Each structure stands twice: as C-alpha cells, then as structure tokens.
Amino acid sequence: MNNKLKFETIAFTFILLVFQCWLITINAIWIDYTQEQDEALNDVNLYATFFTQKNLMVFFGFAFLMSFMHQYAYSSIAYAFLITAIVCEWSIPLGLFFKELDKYEHEIRNAFSSKIYLSINDLIEALSAGASVMISFGVIIGRVSPLQMLIIAILQPIFYWLNIFIIQMKLEALNLGGFSVNIFGAYFGMAMARFFANRKSVERAAHQSAYINNIFSLIGTLFLWLLWPSANASASAPGIGQVI
C-alpha cells in the first residue's frame, strides 16, 4: 500500500467515525420522536408503504444502477449503500434545521427553542436527498476516490437543502415529480465532472461496460422504473395528489 492510499484510508476512516459521532450527538440533543401518538400512527398508515418502496428504490435501484462500469461494478454497489446511508443520516437534521429556519423567518417564537420531533415524512425527505446524491454519483463514478466521495456526501446535502429552502419554502414552488431532486442532482454531478473528468479518464478501459454489468444495471433500472411512482406520490399531498 503506497503512502497516498494509506493516508486516504486513514483519513476516510477518521472522518467517517468523527462524523458519525457528531450525528449521534446532534440527534440525541436536538431531535426526538413525536409525542402525538395518534398523529404519528396516522402518518405511518399514510406513508409507510411509500417509505418502504422509496427505500428499495434509493438503496437497491440506484446501487445496482451504478454497476455499469466493468472495473468498479461491485465496489460501486457497496459504496452506493454506504454513501446513501450517510446522506440520509445527515439529511434528517439538515432538513429539520431549514424547516426551523423557515419558522424563524416567519417569526414563530418556538423555532430553535426546543427539541424537534421527527416524523416519517422527514425520513422520506432524507431518502430524496440520498437519491439526489446518487444521481450525482453516477456522473463521477470511477473518477473519484472513496475519500472524495465521503466529502461530497457530507457537502452536497447542504446545497441540496439550501435549494429546497429557496425553491419550496421561500418561493413556494410545487415539487411535483421531484424536479428539485433530479435536476439538482444532475447539474451538481455535471459541475463536479467538470473538475474530476478528463479525456484520459473517459477513454480508460476500466470505464467501459460489459455484459454482466449491463444486467446488474438493468436490474437497478427496473427497481427505479417500478418504484418511481411511489417516490413521486410520497412528495405529493395526500389524496388526489398522490393518485395523480
């Protein structure tokens, strides 16, 4: 193991452990389960199916979709699981922070003054952030190291939620079809590719596909195709909005 690889391995492990400890701390101090049992049960009855199917779509659909490169097929699946889990964990306090910030700007007195109660909708929104990062990941896969992917997984959700804050909370635009997820992820990924990709990396044999990789990628595509309606419905208003 050369010195650069050894340094990146140690840095990856250290940053991940510190970040996980920080997430545990902020969740213990600031976030709690809701005390309104009837409301919580009603939300679970409405959104549990969407939550389950969106989990399958984000973790399995995107993970298998990322296996299209010959050399990085199986490692891409593993890193997709890891990065998505990190993004979803990080997006829960981030999303709650921007919601409280929106309350504060509307001069609601209890904003930031007490614990924030977690709901199943917050978990679904965190999965949307994970999907956005996975879309970006598909652009730079095979061109970044695990350490770079970890740093991207920590930084991109901040910009994702800032985008949600501006578009949905301030401008009050409708997010039908998840355009803030797909478009943001695509453009963020292309912006990163501008810095990470070059002609040599595009022409490398390791970046070519193979038959078995295409089969795995097709499985991921089928997961996404089958479960995408549930992802759209989870972001829509209950009732006719979800049906449409």
Protein backbone atom coordinates (compact mmCIF):
# COMPACT_ATOMS: atom_id res chain seq x y z
CA MET A 1 0.00 0.00 0.00
CA ASN A 2 1.56 3.28 -1.12
CA ASN A 3 1.65 6.33 1.15
CA LYS A 4 -1.13 8.19 -0.66
CA LEU A 5 -3.54 5.23 -0.47
CA LYS A 6 -2.63 4.65 3.18
CA PHE A 7 -3.28 8.31 4.01
CA GLU A 8 -6.65 8.28 2.21
CA THR A 9 -7.69 5.08 4.01
CA ILE A 10 -6.84 6.53 7.43
CA ALA A 11 -8.47 9.89 6.57
CA PHE A 12 -11.63 8.13 5.29
CA THR A 13 -11.97 6.08 8.48
CA PHE A 14 -11.24 9.03 10.77
CA ILE A 15 -13.65 11.46 9.05
CA LEU A 16 -16.41 8.83 8.92
CA LEU A 17 -16.07 7.95 12.62
CA VAL A 18 -15.96 11.61 13.72
CA PHE A 19 -18.93 12.45 11.51
CA GLN A 20 -20.97 9.53 12.86
CA CYS A 21 -20.19 10.55 16.46
CA TRP A 22 -21.26 14.12 15.66
CA LEU A 23 -24.54 12.89 14.11
CA ILE A 24 -25.27 10.73 17.16
CA THR A 25 -24.66 13.74 19.40
CA ILE A 26 -26.84 16.18 17.46
CA ASN A 27 -29.67 13.64 17.20
CA ALA A 28 -29.50 12.93 20.94
CA ILE A 29 -29.51 16.63 21.88
CA TRP A 30 -31.86 18.17 19.33
CA ILE A 31 -34.17 15.50 17.84
CA ASP A 32 -36.80 13.30 19.45
CA TYR A 33 -39.76 11.16 18.41
CA THR A 34 -43.11 12.90 18.28
CA GLN A 35 -45.28 12.76 21.39
CA GLU A 36 -48.53 12.87 19.39
CA GLN A 37 -49.20 9.15 19.04
CA ASP A 38 -52.46 9.45 17.08
CA GLU A 39 -50.89 11.82 14.57
CA ALA A 40 -47.82 9.61 14.26
CA LEU A 41 -49.93 6.49 13.64
CA ASN A 42 -51.95 8.33 11.04
CA ASP A 43 -48.76 9.40 9.22
CA VAL A 44 -47.41 5.85 9.37
CA ASN A 45 -50.64 4.48 7.89
CA LEU A 46 -50.49 7.05 5.08
CA TYR A 47 -46.78 6.91 4.26
CA ALA A 48 -45.35 3.56 5.44
CA THR A 49 -45.79 1.92 2.03
CA PHE A 50 -44.21 4.92 0.28
CA PHE A 51 -41.33 4.87 2.77
CA THR A 52 -40.66 1.16 2.21
CA GLN A 53 -40.79 1.43 -1.56
CA LYS A 54 -38.65 4.56 -1.62
CA ASN A 55 -36.04 2.73 0.46
CA LEU A 56 -35.97 -0.05 -2.12
CA MET A 57 -35.74 2.47 -4.94
CA VAL A 58 -32.92 4.54 -3.45
CA PHE A 59 -30.78 1.77 -1.95
CA PHE A 60 -31.29 -1.10 -4.39
CA GLY A 61 -32.32 0.76 -7.54
CA PHE A 62 -29.51 3.29 -7.56
CA ALA A 63 -26.94 0.86 -6.11
CA PHE A 64 -27.41 -1.71 -8.89
CA LEU A 65 -27.68 1.04 -11.49
CA MET A 66 -24.15 2.16 -10.50
CA SER A 67 -22.65 -1.21 -11.50
CA PHE A 68 -22.40 -0.32 -15.22
CA MET A 69 -18.59 0.08 -15.23
CA HIS A 70 -16.52 -3.07 -15.73
CA GLN A 71 -13.84 -2.50 -13.09
CA TYR A 72 -15.90 -0.71 -10.44
CA ALA A 73 -19.12 -2.75 -10.60
CA TYR A 74 -19.18 -4.42 -7.18
CA SER A 75 -17.34 -1.69 -5.29
CA SER A 76 -19.82 0.81 -6.76
CA ILE A 77 -22.72 -1.13 -5.23
CA ALA A 78 -21.01 -1.21 -1.82
CA TYR A 79 -20.11 2.48 -1.87
CA ALA A 80 -23.60 3.39 -3.07
CA PHE A 81 -25.05 1.68 0.02
CA LEU A 82 -22.57 3.45 2.30
CA ILE A 83 -22.87 6.92 0.76
CA THR A 84 -26.68 6.76 0.65
CA ALA A 85 -26.83 5.76 4.33
CA ILE A 86 -24.53 8.65 5.29
CA VAL A 87 -26.53 11.16 3.23
CA CYS A 88 -29.86 10.01 4.71
CA GLU A 89 -28.49 10.25 8.26
CA TRP A 90 -27.11 13.73 7.60
CA SER A 91 -30.20 14.96 5.75
CA ILE A 92 -32.53 14.40 8.71
CA PRO A 93 -31.00 17.13 10.97
CA LEU A 94 -30.29 19.30 7.91
CA GLY A 95 -33.90 19.19 6.74
CA LEU A 96 -35.20 19.91 10.23
CA PHE A 97 -32.76 22.82 10.56
CA PHE A 98 -34.00 24.51 7.37
CA LYS A 99 -37.63 23.95 8.41
CA GLU A 100 -36.90 25.63 11.74
CA LEU A 101 -35.09 28.42 9.88
CA ASP A 102 -38.23 28.96 7.80
CA LYS A 103 -40.29 29.15 11.00
CA TYR A 104 -37.83 31.63 12.49
CA GLU A 105 -38.09 33.90 9.46
CA HIS A 106 -41.88 33.82 9.88
CA GLU A 107 -41.37 34.98 13.49
CA ILE A 108 -42.68 31.81 15.09
CA ARG A 109 -41.49 32.00 18.68
CA ASN A 110 -40.74 28.37 19.38
CA ALA A 111 -38.32 27.99 16.44
CA PHE A 112 -34.95 26.61 17.65
CA SER A 113 -36.17 26.84 21.25
CA SER A 114 -36.83 23.18 21.99
CA LYS A 115 -36.36 19.67 20.67
CA ILE A 116 -37.54 18.93 17.14
CA TYR A 117 -39.89 15.98 16.69
CA LEU A 118 -39.15 13.51 13.94
CA SER A 119 -41.84 12.14 11.62
CA ILE A 120 -41.93 9.58 8.85
CA ASN A 121 -42.13 12.43 6.33
CA ASP A 122 -38.69 13.60 7.48
CA LEU A 123 -37.31 10.13 6.74
CA ILE A 124 -38.87 10.15 3.27
CA GLU A 125 -37.40 13.59 2.54
CA ALA A 126 -33.99 12.33 3.66
CA LEU A 127 -34.28 9.50 1.14
CA SER A 128 -34.96 12.11 -1.56
CA ALA A 129 -31.66 13.77 -0.67
CA GLY A 130 -29.97 10.37 -0.95
CA ALA A 131 -31.48 9.92 -4.42
CA SER A 132 -30.16 13.32 -5.49
CA VAL A 133 -26.63 12.45 -4.36
CA MET A 134 -26.82 9.10 -6.15
CA ILE A 135 -27.75 10.87 -9.38
CA SER A 136 -24.62 12.99 -8.99
CA PHE A 137 -22.61 9.90 -8.05
CA GLY A 138 -23.50 8.30 -11.39
CA VAL A 139 -21.70 11.14 -13.21
CA ILE A 140 -18.39 10.90 -11.33
CA ILE A 141 -18.25 7.18 -10.57
CA GLY A 142 -14.81 5.71 -11.30
CA ARG A 143 -13.21 9.16 -11.27
CA VAL A 144 -13.15 9.90 -7.54
CA SER A 145 -11.62 8.15 -4.55
CA PRO A 146 -13.63 6.90 -1.55
CA LEU A 147 -12.36 9.86 0.49
CA GLN A 148 -13.58 12.31 -2.15
CA MET A 149 -16.95 10.53 -2.27
CA LEU A 150 -17.27 10.84 1.52
CA ILE A 151 -16.56 14.58 1.41
CA ILE A 152 -19.11 15.00 -1.41
CA ALA A 153 -21.68 13.02 0.64
CA ILE A 154 -21.18 15.47 3.53
CA LEU A 155 -21.21 18.68 1.47
CA GLN A 156 -23.81 18.06 -1.25
CA PRO A 157 -26.81 17.62 1.10
CA ILE A 158 -26.13 21.11 2.47
CA PHE A 159 -26.56 22.60 -1.00
CA TYR A 160 -29.49 20.26 -1.71
CA TRP A 161 -31.40 21.50 1.33
CA LEU A 162 -30.46 25.10 0.60
CA ASN A 163 -32.01 24.57 -2.83
CA ILE A 164 -35.16 23.11 -1.22
CA PHE A 165 -35.26 26.02 1.23
CA ILE A 166 -35.18 28.59 -1.58
CA ILE A 167 -37.47 26.84 -4.09
CA GLN A 168 -40.11 25.23 -1.87
CA MET A 169 -40.07 27.17 1.39
CA LYS A 170 -39.37 30.70 0.14
CA LEU A 171 -40.69 30.69 -3.44
CA GLU A 172 -43.37 28.09 -2.55
CA ALA A 173 -42.95 26.25 -5.85
CA LEU A 174 -44.58 22.83 -6.23
CA ASN A 175 -42.19 19.90 -6.39
CA LEU A 176 -44.33 17.54 -8.46
CA GLY A 177 -42.21 14.77 -9.97
CA GLY A 178 -39.24 15.60 -7.75
CA PHE A 179 -37.61 18.12 -10.10
CA SER A 180 -35.58 19.53 -7.21
CA VAL A 181 -34.15 16.04 -6.69
CA ASN A 182 -33.45 15.05 -10.28
CA ILE A 183 -32.40 18.35 -11.82
CA PHE A 184 -30.31 19.42 -8.84
CA GLY A 185 -28.55 16.03 -8.70
CA ALA A 186 -27.87 16.04 -12.44
CA TYR A 187 -26.46 19.56 -12.60
CA PHE A 188 -24.47 19.16 -9.39
CA GLY A 189 -22.96 15.97 -10.82
CA MET A 190 -22.07 17.63 -14.12
CA ALA A 191 -20.44 20.51 -12.26
CA MET A 192 -18.28 18.03 -10.33
CA ALA A 193 -17.46 16.11 -13.52
CA ARG A 194 -16.03 19.35 -14.92
CA PHE A 195 -13.32 19.16 -12.27
CA PHE A 196 -12.81 15.41 -11.91
CA ALA A 197 -13.09 14.15 -15.51
CA ASN A 198 -10.64 14.49 -18.39
CA ARG A 199 -10.13 12.86 -21.78
CA LYS A 200 -7.85 10.14 -20.38
CA SER A 201 -10.37 9.14 -17.73
CA VAL A 202 -13.16 8.94 -20.32
CA GLU A 203 -11.12 6.67 -22.60
CA ARG A 204 -9.84 4.28 -19.89
CA ALA A 205 -10.73 0.61 -20.42
CA ALA A 206 -11.85 0.37 -16.80
CA HIS A 207 -14.66 2.80 -17.60
CA GLN A 208 -16.13 0.57 -20.29
CA SER A 209 -19.11 -1.66 -19.68
CA ALA A 210 -19.58 -5.42 -20.02
CA TYR A 211 -22.50 -7.82 -20.42
CA ILE A 212 -22.81 -8.83 -16.75
CA ASN A 213 -22.52 -5.19 -15.67
CA ASN A 214 -25.34 -4.24 -18.01
CA ILE A 215 -27.52 -6.98 -16.48
CA PHE A 216 -26.95 -5.65 -12.95
CA SER A 217 -27.56 -2.11 -14.16
CA LEU A 218 -30.79 -3.25 -15.83
CA ILE A 219 -31.97 -4.70 -12.51
CA GLY A 220 -31.39 -1.32 -10.90
CA THR A 221 -33.24 0.42 -13.73
CA LEU A 222 -36.23 -1.89 -13.22
CA PHE A 223 -36.29 -1.07 -9.50
CA LEU A 224 -36.30 2.63 -10.31
CA TRP A 225 -38.94 2.30 -13.03
CA LEU A 226 -41.29 0.23 -10.86
CA LEU A 227 -40.94 2.31 -7.70
CA TRP A 228 -40.64 5.84 -9.07
CA PRO A 229 -44.45 6.45 -8.94
CA SER A 230 -44.33 5.79 -5.19
CA ALA A 231 -41.45 8.26 -4.84
CA ASN A 232 -43.49 10.92 -6.63
CA ALA A 233 -46.60 10.13 -4.56
CA SER A 234 -44.65 10.42 -1.30
CA ALA A 235 -43.80 14.04 -2.18
CA SER A 236 -47.40 14.89 -3.11
CA ALA A 237 -50.32 16.00 -0.97
CA PRO A 238 -52.44 13.16 0.48
CA GLY A 239 -55.47 12.17 -1.55
CA ILE A 240 -55.96 13.07 -5.19
CA GLY A 241 -52.41 14.48 -5.45
CA GLN A 242 -50.94 11.05 -4.70
CA VAL A 243 -53.32 9.33 -7.08
CA ILE A 244 -52.34 11.63 -9.94
